């Protein structure tokens, strides 16, 4: 299995867990949780694919992505108490999803020959807009817009720039993806632990 395809399935699974966990916290039923998980998992990638003209969008061309979302449902159903009791677990899952979708969105955009700057933005879109849909559907102000939120979109943009920087050293794309995922995950965790935030407009 190609590593990009593996990471895309893993990212879909991880973000589906993130969305379903939010739905569980809101006491949604199983169907509602599945919808939230689906929107979280494929929302960012769908918006990215539409923007770069990659149609039909990814999950419509491969049902394995739907199976990855469905696989997340029993995980959240049986382990929801652990996930909700320990917010750090939820944060780890969300941070891992950020890293995965940042590199996936960036790589898919570069593959179409678009400008690297556009690819960095599309990486951030892929990683964060599913979360925006999740929060809106759960009747919350999206995390990316909350002044109290630690670095979120910024982490993805930094990760995208770091990915491009690694390319200057001639690293294989597999290593670039793995290293960038670790970096995005690490920066996000540091931002949460030390409450790094952007200044607000006053």
C-alpha atoms as a PDB file:
ATOM      1  CA  UNK A   1       0.000   0.000   0.000  1.00  0.00           C
ATOM      2  CA  UNK A   2       1.330   3.436  -0.938  1.00  0.00           C
ATOM      3  CA  UNK A   3       2.204   5.507   2.126  1.00  0.00           C
ATOM      4  CA  UNK A   4       0.094   8.466   0.946  1.00  0.00           C
ATOM      5  CA  UNK A   5      -2.958   6.236   0.625  1.00  0.00           C
ATOM      6  CA  UNK A   6      -2.256   4.679   4.031  1.00  0.00           C
ATOM      7  CA  UNK A   7      -1.932   8.091   5.677  1.00  0.00           C
ATOM      8  CA  UNK A   8      -5.125   9.276   3.995  1.00  0.00           C
ATOM      9  CA  UNK A   9      -7.080   6.318   5.378  1.00  0.00           C
ATOM     10  CA  UNK A  10      -5.466   6.747   8.797  1.00  0.00           C
ATOM     11  CA  UNK A  11      -6.204  10.484   8.805  1.00  0.00           C
ATOM     12  CA  UNK A  12      -9.822   9.823   7.848  1.00  0.00           C
ATOM     13  CA  UNK A  13     -10.140   7.312  10.686  1.00  0.00           C
ATOM     14  CA  UNK A  14      -8.482   9.636  13.209  1.00  0.00           C
ATOM     15  CA  UNK A  15     -10.571  12.684  12.306  1.00  0.00           C
ATOM     16  CA  UNK A  16     -13.737  10.575  12.322  1.00  0.00           C
ATOM     17  CA  UNK A  17     -12.926   9.652  15.931  1.00  0.00           C
ATOM     18  CA  UNK A  18     -12.397  13.347  16.697  1.00  0.00           C
ATOM     19  CA  UNK A  19     -15.787  14.285  15.249  1.00  0.00           C
ATOM     20  CA  UNK A  20     -17.655  11.407  16.871  1.00  0.00           C
ATOM     21  CA  UNK A  21     -16.073  12.202  20.235  1.00  0.00           C
ATOM     22  CA  UNK A  22     -17.431  15.748  19.979  1.00  0.00           C
ATOM     23  CA  UNK A  23     -20.838  14.326  19.105  1.00  0.00           C
ATOM     24  CA  UNK A  24     -20.661  11.947  22.090  1.00  0.00           C
ATOM     25  CA  UNK A  25     -19.897  14.882  24.362  1.00  0.00           C
ATOM     26  CA  UNK A  26     -23.067  16.556  23.044  1.00  0.00           C
ATOM     27  CA  UNK A  27     -25.065  13.322  23.646  1.00  0.00           C
ATOM     28  CA  UNK A  28     -25.839  12.796  19.955  1.00  0.00           C
ATOM     29  CA  UNK A  29     -27.296   9.439  18.946  1.00  0.00           C
ATOM     30  CA  UNK A  30     -25.303   6.962  16.848  1.00  0.00           C
ATOM     31  CA  UNK A  31     -26.596   8.322  13.541  1.00  0.00           C
ATOM     32  CA  UNK A  32     -25.836  11.889  14.528  1.00  0.00           C
ATOM     33  CA  UNK A  33     -22.356  10.889  15.676  1.00  0.00           C
ATOM     34  CA  UNK A  34     -21.729   9.151  12.350  1.00  0.00           C
ATOM     35  CA  UNK A  35     -22.731  12.296  10.425  1.00  0.00           C
ATOM     36  CA  UNK A  36     -20.452  14.488  12.548  1.00  0.00           C
ATOM     37  CA  UNK A  37     -17.619  11.987  12.128  1.00  0.00           C
ATOM     38  CA  UNK A  38     -18.130  11.934   8.359  1.00  0.00           C
ATOM     39  CA  UNK A  39     -18.161  15.747   8.093  1.00  0.00           C
ATOM     40  CA  UNK A  40     -15.017  16.025  10.211  1.00  0.00           C
ATOM     41  CA  UNK A  41     -13.149  13.304   8.353  1.00  0.00           C
ATOM     42  CA  UNK A  42     -13.865  14.342   4.767  1.00  0.00           C
ATOM     43  CA  UNK A  43     -14.918  17.988   5.062  1.00  0.00           C
ATOM     44  CA  UNK A  44     -11.483  19.533   4.689  1.00  0.00           C
ATOM     45  CA  UNK A  45     -10.440  17.191   1.901  1.00  0.00           C
ATOM     46  CA  UNK A  46     -13.703  17.788   0.051  1.00  0.00           C
ATOM     47  CA  UNK A  47     -13.269  21.567   0.171  1.00  0.00           C
ATOM     48  CA  UNK A  48      -9.650  21.192  -0.937  1.00  0.00           C
ATOM     49  CA  UNK A  49     -10.526  18.935  -3.873  1.00  0.00           C
ATOM     50  CA  UNK A  50     -13.276  21.283  -5.048  1.00  0.00           C
ATOM     51  CA  UNK A  51     -10.935  24.283  -4.850  1.00  0.00           C
ATOM     52  CA  UNK A  52      -8.141  22.624  -6.823  1.00  0.00           C
ATOM     53  CA  UNK A  53     -10.526  20.984  -9.322  1.00  0.00           C
ATOM     54  CA  UNK A  54      -9.826  17.395  -8.275  1.00  0.00           C
ATOM     55  CA  UNK A  55     -13.242  15.913  -9.026  1.00  0.00           C
ATOM     56  CA  UNK A  56     -15.021  13.748  -8.063  1.00  0.00           C
ATOM     57  CA  UNK A  57     -13.695  14.332  -4.547  1.00  0.00           C
ATOM     58  CA  UNK A  58     -11.612  11.606  -2.957  1.00  0.00           C
ATOM     59  CA  UNK A  59     -14.112   9.791  -0.759  1.00  0.00           C
ATOM     60  CA  UNK A  60     -16.589   9.503  -3.645  1.00  0.00           C
ATOM     61  CA  UNK A  61     -14.053   7.560  -5.710  1.00  0.00           C
ATOM     62  CA  UNK A  62     -13.027   5.092  -3.006  1.00  0.00           C
ATOM     63  CA  UNK A  63     -15.465   3.533  -0.532  1.00  0.00           C
ATOM     64  CA  UNK A  64     -12.577   2.535   1.756  1.00  0.00           C
ATOM     65  CA  UNK A  65     -12.794   6.050   3.182  1.00  0.00           C
ATOM     66  CA  UNK A  66     -16.398   5.455   4.201  1.00  0.00           C
ATOM     67  CA  UNK A  67     -15.363   2.153   5.779  1.00  0.00           C
ATOM     68  CA  UNK A  68     -12.632   3.995   7.710  1.00  0.00           C
ATOM     69  CA  UNK A  69     -15.271   6.379   9.062  1.00  0.00           C
ATOM     70  CA  UNK A  70     -17.580   3.511  10.017  1.00  0.00           C
ATOM     71  CA  UNK A  71     -14.683   1.755  11.757  1.00  0.00           C
ATOM     72  CA  UNK A  72     -14.327   4.765  14.049  1.00  0.00           C
ATOM     73  CA  UNK A  73     -17.907   4.427  15.302  1.00  0.00           C
ATOM     74  CA  UNK A  74     -17.451   1.319  17.501  1.00  0.00           C
ATOM     75  CA  UNK A  75     -14.167   2.756  18.821  1.00  0.00           C
ATOM     76  CA  UNK A  76     -15.933   5.877  20.096  1.00  0.00           C
ATOM     77  CA  UNK A  77     -19.015   3.942  21.225  1.00  0.00           C
ATOM     78  CA  UNK A  78     -17.097   1.490  23.410  1.00  0.00           C
ATOM     79  CA  UNK A  79     -14.300   3.796  24.553  1.00  0.00           C
ATOM     80  CA  UNK A  80     -16.137   7.120  24.691  1.00  0.00           C
ATOM     81  CA  UNK A  81     -15.890   7.311  28.486  1.00  0.00           C
ATOM     82  CA  UNK A  82     -12.101   7.084  28.280  1.00  0.00           C
ATOM     83  CA  UNK A  83     -11.894   9.599  25.448  1.00  0.00           C
ATOM     84  CA  UNK A  84     -14.166  12.110  27.190  1.00  0.00           C
ATOM     85  CA  UNK A  85     -12.671  11.550  30.638  1.00  0.00           C
ATOM     86  CA  UNK A  86      -9.189  12.327  29.420  1.00  0.00           C
ATOM     87  CA  UNK A  87      -9.238  15.441  27.192  1.00  0.00           C
ATOM     88  CA  UNK A  88      -5.549  14.928  26.437  1.00  0.00           C
ATOM     89  CA  UNK A  89      -6.445  11.759  24.538  1.00  0.00           C
ATOM     90  CA  UNK A  90      -8.823  13.767  22.352  1.00  0.00           C
ATOM     91  CA  UNK A  91      -6.098  16.370  21.834  1.00  0.00           C
ATOM     92  CA  UNK A  92      -3.600  13.714  20.740  1.00  0.00           C
ATOM     93  CA  UNK A  93      -6.074  12.340  18.218  1.00  0.00           C
ATOM     94  CA  UNK A  94      -6.858  15.805  16.862  1.00  0.00           C
ATOM     95  CA  UNK A  95      -3.171  16.767  16.643  1.00  0.00           C
ATOM     96  CA  UNK A  96      -2.331  13.572  14.790  1.00  0.00           C
ATOM     97  CA  UNK A  97      -5.133  14.311  12.330  1.00  0.00           C
ATOM     98  CA  UNK A  98      -3.767  17.821  11.796  1.00  0.00           C
ATOM     99  CA  UNK A  99      -0.359  16.464  10.882  1.00  0.00           C
ATOM    100  CA  UNK A 100      -1.715  13.771   8.588  1.00  0.00           C
ATOM    101  CA  UNK A 101      -4.032  16.009   6.599  1.00  0.00           C
ATOM    102  CA  UNK A 102      -1.560  18.879   6.386  1.00  0.00           C
ATOM    103  CA  UNK A 103       0.949  16.759   4.475  1.00  0.00           C
ATOM    104  CA  UNK A 104      -1.740  14.995   2.446  1.00  0.00           C
ATOM    105  CA  UNK A 105      -3.370  18.219   1.281  1.00  0.00           C
ATOM    106  CA  UNK A 106      -0.012  19.734   0.463  1.00  0.00           C
ATOM    107  CA  UNK A 107       1.254  16.696  -1.458  1.00  0.00           C
ATOM    108  CA  UNK A 108      -1.958  16.314  -3.467  1.00  0.00           C
ATOM    109  CA  UNK A 109      -1.856  19.992  -4.450  1.00  0.00           C
ATOM    110  CA  UNK A 110       1.816  19.829  -5.452  1.00  0.00           C
ATOM    111  CA  UNK A 111       1.046  16.740  -7.556  1.00  0.00           C
ATOM    112  CA  UNK A 112      -1.229  18.898  -9.718  1.00  0.00           C
ATOM    113  CA  UNK A 113       1.634  21.293 -10.416  1.00  0.00           C
ATOM    114  CA  UNK A 114       0.201  24.190  -8.418  1.00  0.00           C
ATOM    115  CA  UNK A 115       2.382  26.771  -6.710  1.00  0.00           C
ATOM    116  CA  UNK A 116       3.992  25.659  -3.409  1.00  0.00           C
ATOM    117  CA  UNK A 117       2.418  28.631  -1.609  1.00  0.00           C
ATOM    118  CA  UNK A 118      -1.012  27.444  -2.725  1.00  0.00           C
ATOM    119  CA  UNK A 119      -0.101  23.922  -1.612  1.00  0.00           C
ATOM    120  CA  UNK A 120       0.725  25.152   1.900  1.00  0.00           C
ATOM    121  CA  UNK A 121      -2.664  26.858   2.136  1.00  0.00           C
ATOM    122  CA  UNK A 122      -4.437  23.754   0.820  1.00  0.00           C
ATOM    123  CA  UNK A 123      -2.641  21.679   3.433  1.00  0.00           C
ATOM    124  CA  UNK A 124      -4.076  23.916   6.143  1.00  0.00           C
ATOM    125  CA  UNK A 125      -7.532  23.791   4.535  1.00  0.00           C
ATOM    126  CA  UNK A 126      -7.415  19.993   4.438  1.00  0.00           C
ATOM    127  CA  UNK A 127      -6.393  19.800   8.084  1.00  0.00           C
ATOM    128  CA  UNK A 128      -8.705  22.363   9.648  1.00  0.00           C
ATOM    129  CA  UNK A 129     -11.927  22.809   7.688  1.00  0.00           C
ATOM    130  CA  UNK A 130     -13.287  19.431   8.734  1.00  0.00           C
ATOM    131  CA  UNK A 131     -12.974  20.672  12.307  1.00  0.00           C
ATOM    132  CA  UNK A 132     -14.773  23.877  11.357  1.00  0.00           C
ATOM    133  CA  UNK A 133     -17.695  21.834  10.015  1.00  0.00           C
ATOM    134  CA  UNK A 134     -17.615  19.640  13.130  1.00  0.00           C
ATOM    135  CA  UNK A 135     -17.889  22.624  15.466  1.00  0.00           C
ATOM    136  CA  UNK A 136     -20.597  24.339  13.421  1.00  0.00           C
ATOM    137  CA  UNK A 137     -22.720  21.174  13.310  1.00  0.00           C
ATOM    138  CA  UNK A 138     -22.243  20.793  17.073  1.00  0.00           C
ATOM    139  CA  UNK A 139     -23.418  24.409  17.536  1.00  0.00           C
ATOM    140  CA  UNK A 140     -20.019  25.630  18.708  1.00  0.00           C
ATOM    141  CA  UNK A 141     -17.844  28.532  17.635  1.00  0.00           C
ATOM    142  CA  UNK A 142     -15.186  26.843  15.469  1.00  0.00           C
ATOM    143  CA  UNK A 143     -11.996  26.261  17.407  1.00  0.00           C
ATOM    144  CA  UNK A 144      -9.918  28.046  14.773  1.00  0.00           C
ATOM    145  CA  UNK A 145     -11.831  31.281  15.425  1.00  0.00           C
ATOM    146  CA  UNK A 146     -11.738  31.234  19.214  1.00  0.00           C
ATOM    147  CA  UNK A 147      -9.339  33.789  20.763  1.00  0.00           C
ATOM    148  CA  UNK A 148      -8.598  31.388  23.639  1.00  0.00           C
ATOM    149  CA  UNK A 149      -7.584  28.614  21.242  1.00  0.00           C
ATOM    150  CA  UNK A 150      -3.942  27.657  21.013  1.00  0.00           C
ATOM    151  CA  UNK A 151      -2.191  27.688  17.637  1.00  0.00           C
ATOM    152  CA  UNK A 152      -4.218  25.611  15.170  1.00  0.00           C
ATOM    153  CA  UNK A 153      -4.185  26.806  11.565  1.00  0.00           C
ATOM    154  CA  UNK A 154      -0.787  28.369  12.252  1.00  0.00           C
ATOM    155  CA  UNK A 155       0.611  24.956  13.166  1.00  0.00           C
ATOM    156  CA  UNK A 156      -0.554  23.560   9.826  1.00  0.00           C
ATOM    157  CA  UNK A 157       0.962  26.458   7.877  1.00  0.00           C
ATOM    158  CA  UNK A 158       4.267  26.014   9.715  1.00  0.00           C
ATOM    159  CA  UNK A 159       4.119  22.293   9.029  1.00  0.00           C
ATOM    160  CA  UNK A 160       3.575  22.930   5.335  1.00  0.00           C
ATOM    161  CA  UNK A 161       6.536  25.300   5.166  1.00  0.00           C
ATOM    162  CA  UNK A 162       8.665  22.760   7.027  1.00  0.00           C
ATOM    163  CA  UNK A 163       7.659  20.089   4.493  1.00  0.00           C
ATOM    164  CA  UNK A 164       8.829  22.306   1.645  1.00  0.00           C
ATOM    165  CA  UNK A 165      12.052  23.039   3.515  1.00  0.00           C
ATOM    166  CA  UNK A 166      12.771  19.321   3.862  1.00  0.00           C
ATOM    167  CA  UNK A 167      12.430  19.040   0.105  1.00  0.00           C
ATOM    168  CA  UNK A 168      15.516  21.242  -0.299  1.00  0.00           C
ATOM    169  CA  UNK A 169      17.589  18.484   1.319  1.00  0.00           C
ATOM    170  CA  UNK A 170      16.495  15.883  -1.209  1.00  0.00           C
ATOM    171  CA  UNK A 171      14.652  13.694   1.279  1.00  0.00           C
ATOM    172  CA  UNK A 172      12.321  11.010  -0.038  1.00  0.00           C
ATOM    173  CA  UNK A 173       8.692  12.128   0.154  1.00  0.00           C
ATOM    174  CA  UNK A 174       7.912   9.320   2.615  1.00  0.00           C
ATOM    175  CA  UNK A 175      10.420  10.655   5.118  1.00  0.00           C
ATOM    176  CA  UNK A 176       9.250  14.215   4.503  1.00  0.00           C
ATOM    177  CA  UNK A 177       5.698  13.189   5.345  1.00  0.00           C
ATOM    178  CA  UNK A 178       6.608  11.250   8.479  1.00  0.00           C
ATOM    179  CA  UNK A 179       8.903  13.967   9.840  1.00  0.00           C
ATOM    180  CA  UNK A 180       6.382  16.732   9.108  1.00  0.00           C
ATOM    181  CA  UNK A 181       3.563  14.821  10.815  1.00  0.00           C
ATOM    182  CA  UNK A 182       5.743  14.457  13.920  1.00  0.00           C
ATOM    183  CA  UNK A 183       6.650  18.156  13.822  1.00  0.00           C
ATOM    184  CA  UNK A 184       3.024  19.309  13.469  1.00  0.00           C
ATOM    185  CA  UNK A 185       1.969  16.976  16.278  1.00  0.00           C
ATOM    186  CA  UNK A 186       4.806  18.211  18.500  1.00  0.00           C
ATOM    187  CA  UNK A 187       4.203  21.926  17.899  1.00  0.00           C
ATOM    188  CA  UNK A 188       0.487  21.502  18.541  1.00  0.00           C
ATOM    189  CA  UNK A 189       1.164  19.735  21.836  1.00  0.00           C
ATOM    190  CA  UNK A 190       3.627  22.435  22.903  1.00  0.00           C
ATOM    191  CA  UNK A 191       1.102  25.124  21.959  1.00  0.00           C
ATOM    192  CA  UNK A 192      -1.521  23.461  24.158  1.00  0.00           C
ATOM    193  CA  UNK A 193       0.848  22.824  27.078  1.00  0.00           C
ATOM    194  CA  UNK A 194       2.249  26.358  27.098  1.00  0.00           C
ATOM    195  CA  UNK A 195      -0.896  28.086  25.810  1.00  0.00           C
ATOM    196  CA  UNK A 196       0.741  29.681  22.786  1.00  0.00           C
ATOM    197  CA  UNK A 197      -1.783  31.967  21.107  1.00  0.00           C
ATOM    198  CA  UNK A 198      -1.849  34.601  18.427  1.00  0.00           C
ATOM    199  CA  UNK A 199      -2.565  38.191  19.521  1.00  0.00           C
ATOM    200  CA  UNK A 200      -6.160  39.328  19.186  1.00  0.00           C
ATOM    201  CA  UNK A 201      -7.336  42.447  17.333  1.00  0.00           C
ATOM    202  CA  UNK A 202      -8.507  45.031  19.866  1.00  0.00           C
END
